[in-house]
Amino acid sequence: MDNDILTALIVGVPSIIAIATAAVLVGRRRSTDSDHEAATRSRPEGASSSTGTLVEPRPAEAEPEAPGVEVEELPDLSQAPPVETPAPATGRLARLRDRLSRSGSPLGARLLTVLSRDHLTEDDWDELEETLLLADVGAGPSGELIDALRTQVRVQGVREPAHVRAMLREQLLALVDPSLDRSLATAPTPRAAADGAAPAEGEPSTSPAVVLVVGVNGTGKTTTVGKLARVLVAEGRTVVLGAADTFRAAAADQLETWGSRVGVPTVRSERDGADPAAVAFDAVRTGVSRGVDVVLVDTAGRLQNKAGLMDELGKITRVITREAPLSEVLLVLDATTGQNGLNQARVFAEVAGVTGIVLTKLDGTAKGGIVIAVQRELGVPVKLVGLGEGPDDLAPFDPEAFVDGLLGD
């Protein structure tokens, strides 16, 4: 009897365990199949079943406010920032005059000091000429100024500080040449059909003024385009920007940021290295279709040889003039580079037909004579000067205010 019970236990217990295990496995299998079937029913028809698909999270629903609790309303960050109102351009050069008068300009204070001496020796005249050369005035203009001063001092015997200052101001102003036309050609021009007839009904009747901005990288060229857009907007003009500097990383982004601050659209390429001429053409075409006053085109300054520069700028000019005439070619120069800046100016003047000069960082140099030298070298006027790093620190050039700044108040 005991043997029968023992045998039943040995055989029965494992069987019970096996049956229980099987039941558990069957239950899990049914649960898995049920979950899979439910998941299959929930996937839209035609959706991919592959892994790696990113599903954007839905915004959480707002919970009901608790009674008596104030909920602060957060600003909508998706909205564009407010459009700025640029400061008027008039009176900006007064800031430059103040900065130059505080800079200890050798072209002002040292000249006045030497000319006020009782007796001017040859060493004194040599000191004057050296001061002019160190101030980047250039050999030719320096010699002319020294000769004119020698004559006046000898004939008039001027020694009083007020008379010396008036004499020096007159001669410096003559070198800067206030008679040059420094206005920007930014007025739209009448538009004619290809055969010279009036435009057809519904077509634009005017073409925007097209301003091409050239210069080597590092002179503040793209920044100058952005600041010039602010000057034009402050004057009530409508503007389109063309980001044709497609070779420099982030140049288009930089220009677009400048434009967005004052509500000015930017035409750009979405890839680096695109054809600059194509971007310039699209910018001008956009300006024509929108009927704006001015199209400002930023160009690449990376080309290191004269032939490549001539080909690139020549191509841009050809395609632009198919849509509208070219009104201005502004050359941007760094006022602190001295003779190197003059070498750059010569090359661009030969290949680009420069009509005006923009001198940046003029407030950062105590020299100032570069204004005289570059005008004499190129035969074109300085039309705009950069006074600092602020967004409204670009000013029309005023010869009298400039000379007064050099001489100090």
Protein backbone atom coordinates (compact mmCIF):
# COMPACT_ATOMS: atom_id res chain seq x y z
CA MET A 1 0.00 0.00 0.00
CA ASP A 2 2.77 2.41 0.88
CA ASN A 3 4.56 1.54 -2.33
CA ASP A 4 1.41 2.34 -4.33
CA ILE A 5 1.07 5.77 -2.68
CA LEU A 6 4.76 6.56 -3.24
CA THR A 7 4.49 5.55 -6.89
CA ALA A 8 1.40 7.76 -7.36
CA LEU A 9 3.19 10.74 -5.85
CA ILE A 10 6.26 10.24 -8.01
CA VAL A 11 4.21 10.01 -11.17
CA GLY A 12 1.42 12.47 -10.31
CA VAL A 13 3.27 15.51 -8.97
CA PRO A 14 5.42 16.04 -12.08
CA SER A 15 2.34 15.61 -14.22
CA ILE A 16 0.48 18.27 -12.26
CA ILE A 17 3.44 20.62 -12.57
CA ALA A 18 3.68 20.01 -16.31
CA ILE A 19 -0.04 20.63 -16.76
CA ALA A 20 0.13 23.90 -14.78
CA THR A 21 3.16 25.11 -16.76
CA ALA A 22 1.42 24.38 -20.03
CA ALA A 23 -1.64 26.29 -18.91
CA VAL A 24 0.44 29.37 -18.05
CA LEU A 25 2.23 29.33 -21.42
CA VAL A 26 -1.04 29.00 -23.31
CA GLY A 27 -2.45 31.98 -21.41
CA ARG A 28 0.58 34.16 -22.21
CA ARG A 29 0.42 33.19 -25.89
CA ARG A 30 -3.24 34.16 -26.10
CA SER A 31 -2.49 37.50 -24.41
CA THR A 32 0.34 38.26 -26.87
CA ASP A 33 -1.82 37.38 -29.86
CA SER A 34 -4.59 39.61 -28.53
CA ASP A 35 -2.19 42.58 -28.06
CA HIS A 36 -0.78 42.13 -31.57
CA GLU A 37 -4.26 42.00 -33.07
CA ALA A 38 -5.23 45.17 -31.22
CA ALA A 39 -2.08 46.99 -32.39
CA THR A 40 -2.75 45.91 -35.97
CA ARG A 41 -6.28 47.25 -35.84
CA SER A 42 -5.05 50.67 -34.49
CA ARG A 43 -2.39 51.39 -37.29
CA PRO A 44 -3.75 53.37 -40.26
CA GLU A 45 -3.96 51.49 -43.53
CA GLY A 46 -0.80 51.90 -45.62
CA ALA A 47 1.37 53.12 -42.73
CA SER A 48 4.92 51.81 -42.54
CA SER A 49 5.58 49.18 -39.96
CA SER A 50 9.34 49.75 -39.95
CA THR A 51 11.16 51.08 -36.88
CA GLY A 52 12.79 54.56 -36.55
CA THR A 53 9.69 56.61 -37.42
CA LEU A 54 9.59 59.74 -35.27
CA VAL A 55 6.16 60.78 -34.12
CA GLU A 56 5.93 64.35 -32.94
CA PRO A 57 4.37 64.58 -29.48
CA ARG A 58 1.03 66.29 -29.31
CA PRO A 59 0.76 69.30 -27.04
CA ALA A 60 -0.81 68.44 -23.72
CA GLU A 61 -4.34 69.63 -23.21
CA ALA A 62 -4.70 72.51 -20.79
CA GLU A 63 -5.84 71.47 -17.39
CA PRO A 64 -8.79 73.32 -15.89
CA GLU A 65 -7.80 76.22 -13.72
CA ALA A 66 -8.19 75.76 -10.00
CA PRO A 67 -10.57 78.27 -8.49
CA GLY A 68 -8.84 81.35 -7.12
CA VAL A 69 -5.51 80.65 -8.92
CA GLU A 70 -4.17 83.18 -11.45
CA VAL A 71 -2.39 81.69 -14.49
CA GLU A 72 0.19 83.96 -16.16
CA GLU A 73 -0.17 84.06 -19.93
CA LEU A 74 3.14 83.25 -21.63
CA PRO A 75 4.20 85.17 -24.77
CA ASP A 76 3.84 83.51 -28.17
CA LEU A 77 7.44 82.81 -29.16
CA SER A 78 6.44 81.80 -32.69
CA GLN A 79 5.59 85.39 -33.61
CA ALA A 80 8.19 87.49 -35.46
CA PRO A 81 9.98 90.19 -33.44
CA PRO A 82 8.61 93.72 -33.86
CA VAL A 83 9.99 95.75 -36.75
CA GLU A 84 12.44 98.43 -35.64
CA THR A 85 12.27 102.09 -36.64
CA PRO A 86 15.77 103.23 -37.68
CA ALA A 87 17.08 106.57 -36.48
CA PRO A 88 17.21 109.37 -39.08
CA ALA A 89 20.54 109.66 -40.89
CA THR A 90 20.76 113.42 -40.43
CA GLY A 91 23.11 114.51 -37.68
CA ARG A 92 24.93 111.18 -37.40
CA LEU A 93 28.26 112.67 -38.49
CA ALA A 94 28.19 114.91 -35.42
CA ARG A 95 29.04 111.76 -33.44
CA LEU A 96 32.05 111.15 -35.66
CA ARG A 97 33.20 114.73 -35.16
CA ASP A 98 33.09 114.26 -31.41
CA ARG A 99 34.98 110.95 -31.57
CA LEU A 100 37.67 112.32 -33.87
CA SER A 101 38.16 115.38 -31.70
CA ARG A 102 38.68 113.12 -28.66
CA SER A 103 41.04 110.72 -30.42
CA GLY A 104 44.08 112.98 -30.39
CA SER A 105 44.20 113.00 -34.20
CA PRO A 106 47.71 113.77 -35.45
CA LEU A 107 46.14 115.36 -38.46
CA GLY A 108 44.57 117.99 -36.26
CA ALA A 109 46.23 118.68 -32.94
CA ARG A 110 49.83 118.14 -34.10
CA LEU A 111 49.42 120.28 -37.22
CA LEU A 112 47.95 123.12 -35.19
CA THR A 113 50.73 122.82 -32.62
CA VAL A 114 53.52 123.06 -35.20
CA LEU A 115 51.90 125.87 -37.20
CA SER A 116 51.44 127.98 -34.07
CA ARG A 117 55.19 128.17 -33.37
CA ASP A 118 56.86 131.56 -33.64
CA HIS A 119 59.42 130.53 -36.23
CA LEU A 120 58.92 127.58 -38.59
CA THR A 121 62.20 125.93 -39.56
CA GLU A 122 62.76 123.28 -42.22
CA ASP A 123 62.59 120.67 -39.48
CA ASP A 124 59.13 121.95 -38.58
CA TRP A 125 57.93 121.62 -42.17
CA ASP A 126 59.40 118.14 -42.36
CA GLU A 127 57.52 117.27 -39.17
CA LEU A 128 54.29 118.53 -40.72
CA GLU A 129 54.80 116.44 -43.84
CA GLU A 130 55.66 113.36 -41.79
CA THR A 131 52.49 113.85 -39.75
CA LEU A 132 50.42 113.99 -42.92
CA LEU A 133 52.03 110.85 -44.33
CA LEU A 134 51.49 108.92 -41.10
CA ALA A 135 47.84 109.94 -41.26
CA ASP A 136 47.51 108.20 -44.67
CA VAL A 137 46.95 111.43 -46.57
CA GLY A 138 49.33 110.29 -49.31
CA ALA A 139 52.48 111.79 -50.78
CA GLY A 140 50.81 113.91 -53.47
CA PRO A 141 48.15 115.58 -51.31
CA SER A 142 50.66 116.03 -48.47
CA GLY A 143 53.06 117.92 -50.73
CA GLU A 144 50.25 120.12 -52.02
CA LEU A 145 49.10 120.96 -48.50
CA ILE A 146 52.63 121.80 -47.29
CA ASP A 147 53.24 124.08 -50.30
CA ALA A 148 49.97 125.94 -49.74
CA LEU A 149 50.66 126.37 -46.03
CA ARG A 150 54.22 127.62 -46.68
CA THR A 151 52.88 130.27 -49.03
CA GLN A 152 50.19 131.49 -46.64
CA VAL A 153 52.50 131.56 -43.64
CA ARG A 154 55.16 133.46 -45.56
CA VAL A 155 52.76 135.97 -47.10
CA GLN A 156 50.33 136.46 -44.21
CA GLY A 157 52.66 135.77 -41.28
CA VAL A 158 49.85 133.97 -39.44
CA ARG A 159 50.63 132.97 -35.86
CA GLU A 160 47.44 133.39 -33.82
CA PRO A 161 45.81 130.03 -33.04
CA ALA A 162 42.40 131.03 -34.41
CA HIS A 163 43.89 132.24 -37.71
CA VAL A 164 46.12 129.17 -37.98
CA ARG A 165 43.11 126.91 -37.45
CA ALA A 166 41.07 128.76 -40.08
CA MET A 167 43.94 128.55 -42.58
CA LEU A 168 44.46 124.83 -41.97
CA ARG A 169 40.73 124.14 -42.15
CA GLU A 170 40.51 125.87 -45.52
CA GLN A 171 43.36 123.82 -46.98
CA LEU A 172 42.13 120.48 -45.60
CA LEU A 173 38.63 121.16 -46.85
CA ALA A 174 40.02 121.85 -50.31
CA LEU A 175 41.74 118.45 -50.27
CA VAL A 176 38.58 116.64 -49.16
CA ASP A 177 36.79 118.51 -51.99
CA PRO A 178 33.25 119.45 -50.91
CA SER A 179 32.27 120.01 -54.55
CA LEU A 180 32.02 116.27 -55.27
CA ASP A 181 28.54 114.84 -55.65
CA ARG A 182 28.08 112.55 -52.63
CA SER A 183 24.38 111.80 -53.08
CA LEU A 184 23.23 108.19 -53.56
CA ALA A 185 21.35 107.37 -56.76
CA THR A 186 18.43 105.60 -55.10
CA ALA A 187 15.46 106.94 -57.08
CA PRO A 188 13.49 104.50 -59.29
CA THR A 189 13.85 105.02 -63.04
CA PRO A 190 11.15 104.85 -65.75
CA ARG A 191 10.85 101.41 -67.27
CA ALA A 192 10.53 100.84 -71.02
CA ALA A 193 9.74 97.74 -73.08
CA ALA A 194 12.42 95.99 -75.12
CA ASP A 195 11.51 98.04 -78.21
CA GLY A 196 11.66 101.29 -76.27
CA ALA A 197 7.91 101.70 -76.04
CA ALA A 198 5.99 102.30 -72.84
CA PRO A 199 5.31 99.23 -70.67
CA ALA A 200 2.14 97.32 -71.40
CA GLU A 201 -0.84 97.69 -69.11
CA GLY A 202 -0.37 95.78 -65.88
CA GLU A 203 3.45 95.74 -66.14
CA PRO A 204 5.69 97.78 -63.80
CA SER A 205 6.22 101.34 -65.00
CA THR A 206 9.47 101.92 -63.06
CA SER A 207 12.60 99.99 -62.24
CA PRO A 208 14.17 100.11 -58.78
CA ALA A 209 17.54 101.70 -58.23
CA VAL A 210 20.05 98.84 -58.11
CA VAL A 211 23.03 99.33 -55.77
CA LEU A 212 25.86 96.80 -56.07
CA VAL A 213 28.10 96.63 -52.99
CA VAL A 214 31.64 95.27 -53.51
CA GLY A 215 34.76 94.82 -51.39
CA VAL A 216 36.94 92.15 -49.84
CA ASN A 217 35.77 90.05 -46.92
CA GLY A 218 36.56 91.51 -43.52
CA THR A 219 35.85 95.14 -44.37
CA GLY A 220 32.31 95.01 -42.99
CA LYS A 221 30.68 94.74 -46.41
CA THR A 222 27.61 92.66 -45.48
CA THR A 223 27.11 94.69 -42.31
CA THR A 224 27.29 97.86 -44.40
CA VAL A 225 24.55 96.55 -46.70
CA GLY A 226 22.35 95.92 -43.67
CA LYS A 227 23.06 99.36 -42.21
CA LEU A 228 22.45 101.03 -45.57
CA ALA A 229 19.05 99.32 -45.71
CA ARG A 230 18.26 100.96 -42.36
CA VAL A 231 19.31 104.37 -43.72
CA LEU A 232 17.02 103.95 -46.73
CA VAL A 233 14.09 102.74 -44.62
CA ALA A 234 14.57 105.76 -42.35
CA GLU A 235 14.22 107.92 -45.47
CA GLY A 236 10.90 106.23 -46.28
CA ARG A 237 12.16 104.07 -49.15
CA THR A 238 11.17 100.46 -49.83
CA VAL A 239 14.04 97.99 -50.17
CA VAL A 240 14.85 94.42 -51.24
CA LEU A 241 18.15 92.79 -50.25
CA GLY A 242 20.05 90.35 -52.48
CA ALA A 243 22.45 87.94 -50.71
CA ALA A 244 24.80 87.25 -53.62
CA ASP A 245 27.77 86.49 -51.35
CA THR A 246 27.08 82.76 -51.62
CA PHE A 247 30.62 81.60 -50.85
CA ARG A 248 30.92 82.84 -47.27
CA ALA A 249 29.24 80.74 -44.64
CA ALA A 250 26.33 82.48 -42.91
CA ALA A 251 26.55 85.61 -45.08
CA ALA A 252 22.96 85.15 -46.27
CA ASP A 253 21.78 84.49 -42.71
CA GLN A 254 23.51 87.65 -41.53
CA LEU A 255 21.91 89.75 -44.26
CA GLU A 256 18.49 88.22 -43.69
CA THR A 257 18.73 89.12 -40.00
CA TRP A 258 19.52 92.74 -40.83
CA GLY A 259 16.58 92.90 -43.20
CA SER A 260 14.08 91.28 -40.86
CA ARG A 261 14.76 93.93 -38.20
CA VAL A 262 13.35 96.66 -40.42
CA GLY A 263 10.81 94.63 -42.41
CA VAL A 264 12.96 94.28 -45.55
CA PRO A 265 12.80 90.98 -47.52
CA THR A 266 15.97 89.14 -48.55
CA VAL A 267 16.44 87.07 -51.71
CA ARG A 268 18.93 84.27 -51.05
CA SER A 269 20.01 80.78 -52.04
CA GLU A 270 19.42 77.89 -49.68
CA ARG A 271 22.81 76.32 -50.42
CA ASP A 272 26.36 77.59 -50.17
CA GLY A 273 28.29 78.09 -53.39
CA ALA A 274 25.27 78.88 -55.57
CA ASP A 275 25.67 81.14 -58.60
CA PRO A 276 25.92 84.73 -57.26
CA ALA A 277 24.68 86.17 -60.55
CA ALA A 278 21.51 84.10 -60.37
CA VAL A 279 20.79 85.34 -56.84
CA ALA A 280 21.42 88.95 -57.90
CA PHE A 281 19.09 88.53 -60.89
CA ASP A 282 16.33 87.07 -58.73
CA ALA A 283 16.71 89.94 -56.27
CA VAL A 284 16.32 92.56 -58.99
CA ARG A 285 13.39 90.72 -60.56
CA THR A 286 11.72 90.57 -57.15
CA GLY A 287 12.30 94.30 -56.70
CA VAL A 288 10.74 95.02 -60.09
CA SER A 289 7.69 92.85 -59.45
CA ARG A 290 7.11 94.39 -56.02
CA GLY A 291 7.66 97.93 -57.22
CA VAL A 292 10.24 98.77 -54.54
CA ASP A 293 12.52 101.80 -54.65
CA VAL A 294 15.94 100.19 -54.11
CA VAL A 295 17.56 96.76 -54.48
CA LEU A 296 20.80 96.33 -52.50
CA VAL A 297 23.01 93.45 -53.71
CA ASP A 298 25.79 92.09 -51.49
CA THR A 299 28.59 90.39 -53.44
CA ALA A 300 31.39 87.95 -52.65
CA GLY A 301 34.78 89.30 -51.66
CA ARG A 302 36.68 86.02 -51.67
CA LEU A 303 38.22 86.21 -55.14
CA GLN A 304 41.96 86.69 -54.84
CA ASN A 305 42.94 87.44 -58.42
CA LYS A 306 41.96 90.23 -60.75
CA ALA A 307 40.77 87.96 -63.59
CA GLY A 308 38.41 85.98 -61.37
CA LEU A 309 37.06 89.16 -59.80
CA MET A 310 36.45 90.71 -63.19
CA ASP A 311 34.62 87.61 -64.46
CA GLU A 312 32.39 87.34 -61.41
CA LEU A 313 31.43 91.01 -61.15
CA GLY A 314 31.09 91.28 -64.92
CA LYS A 315 28.63 88.39 -64.98
CA ILE A 316 26.61 89.88 -62.10
CA THR A 317 26.44 93.24 -63.88
CA ARG A 318 25.33 91.67 -67.17
CA VAL A 319 22.47 89.69 -65.66
CA ILE A 320 21.30 92.54 -63.43
CA THR A 321 21.05 95.00 -66.32
CA ARG A 322 18.68 92.65 -68.14
CA GLU A 323 16.06 93.63 -65.58
CA ALA A 324 17.09 97.12 -64.45
CA PRO A 325 19.96 99.56 -64.94
CA LEU A 326 22.76 99.62 -62.39
CA SER A 327 22.51 102.83 -60.35
CA GLU A 328 25.48 102.64 -57.96
CA VAL A 329 28.55 100.50 -57.32
CA LEU A 330 29.73 101.14 -53.78
CA LEU A 331 33.18 99.98 -52.68
CA VAL A 332 33.49 99.20 -48.97
CA LEU A 333 36.95 99.86 -47.50
CA ASP A 334 38.31 99.45 -43.98
CA ALA A 335 39.68 102.86 -42.96
CA THR A 336 42.26 101.24 -40.68
CA THR A 337 44.06 99.27 -43.43
CA GLY A 338 45.90 102.25 -44.95
CA GLN A 339 47.94 101.37 -48.02
CA ASN A 340 46.47 97.87 -48.26
CA GLY A 341 43.04 99.42 -48.59
CA LEU A 342 44.25 101.61 -51.42
CA ASN A 343 45.62 98.57 -53.25
CA GLN A 344 42.23 96.86 -52.95
CA ALA A 345 40.52 100.02 -54.14
CA ARG A 346 42.61 100.15 -57.30
CA VAL A 347 41.65 96.62 -58.33
CA PHE A 348 37.93 97.07 -57.69
CA ALA A 349 37.91 100.44 -59.42
CA GLU A 350 39.33 98.82 -62.55
CA VAL A 351 36.94 95.87 -62.70
CA ALA A 352 33.71 97.11 -61.13
CA GLY A 353 33.21 100.72 -62.23
CA VAL A 354 33.03 102.09 -58.67
CA THR A 355 30.82 105.17 -58.27
CA GLY A 356 31.24 105.77 -54.53
CA ILE A 357 33.20 104.68 -51.47
CA VAL A 358 32.03 103.57 -48.04
CA LEU A 359 34.73 103.88 -45.37
CA THR A 360 34.06 101.64 -42.38
CA LYS A 361 35.70 101.83 -38.94
CA LEU A 362 36.59 105.46 -39.49
CA ASP A 363 35.95 106.12 -35.81
CA GLY A 364 38.54 103.47 -34.92
CA THR A 365 41.50 105.30 -36.46
CA ALA A 366 43.14 108.53 -35.43
CA LYS A 367 44.43 109.00 -38.97
CA GLY A 368 41.50 110.04 -41.15
CA GLY A 369 43.72 111.01 -44.08
CA ILE A 370 42.55 107.89 -45.91
CA VAL A 371 39.51 109.92 -47.01
CA ILE A 372 41.74 112.27 -48.97
CA ALA A 373 44.00 109.54 -50.32
CA VAL A 374 41.29 107.21 -51.59
CA GLN A 375 39.35 110.00 -53.28
CA ARG A 376 42.50 111.20 -55.00
CA GLU A 377 43.46 107.65 -56.00
CA LEU A 378 40.09 106.64 -57.48
CA GLY A 379 38.59 109.95 -58.50
CA VAL A 380 35.28 109.05 -56.86
CA PRO A 381 33.81 110.50 -53.67
CA VAL A 382 33.46 109.01 -50.22
CA LYS A 383 29.69 108.85 -49.83
CA LEU A 384 29.19 107.02 -46.53
CA VAL A 385 31.29 106.43 -43.42
CA GLY A 386 31.00 103.89 -40.63
CA LEU A 387 31.08 105.45 -37.18
CA GLY A 388 30.93 102.39 -34.92
CA GLU A 389 29.33 99.01 -34.32
CA GLY A 390 25.77 100.17 -33.66
CA PRO A 391 23.02 99.41 -36.19
CA ASP A 392 22.56 103.10 -37.01
CA ASP A 393 26.25 104.02 -37.09
CA LEU A 394 26.41 104.57 -40.87
CA ALA A 395 26.25 108.20 -41.96
CA PRO A 396 26.37 110.24 -45.17
CA PHE A 397 29.80 111.83 -45.44
CA ASP A 398 29.90 115.58 -44.70
CA PRO A 399 33.29 117.12 -45.62
CA GLU A 400 32.96 120.15 -43.33
CA ALA A 401 31.90 118.13 -40.29
CA PHE A 402 34.73 115.69 -40.99
CA VAL A 403 37.44 118.38 -41.15
CA ASP A 404 36.07 120.08 -38.04
CA GLY A 405 36.31 116.73 -36.26
CA LEU A 406 39.95 116.33 -37.27
CA LEU A 407 40.85 119.79 -36.03
CA GLY A 408 38.83 119.55 -32.83
CA ASP A 409 36.49 122.11 -31.42
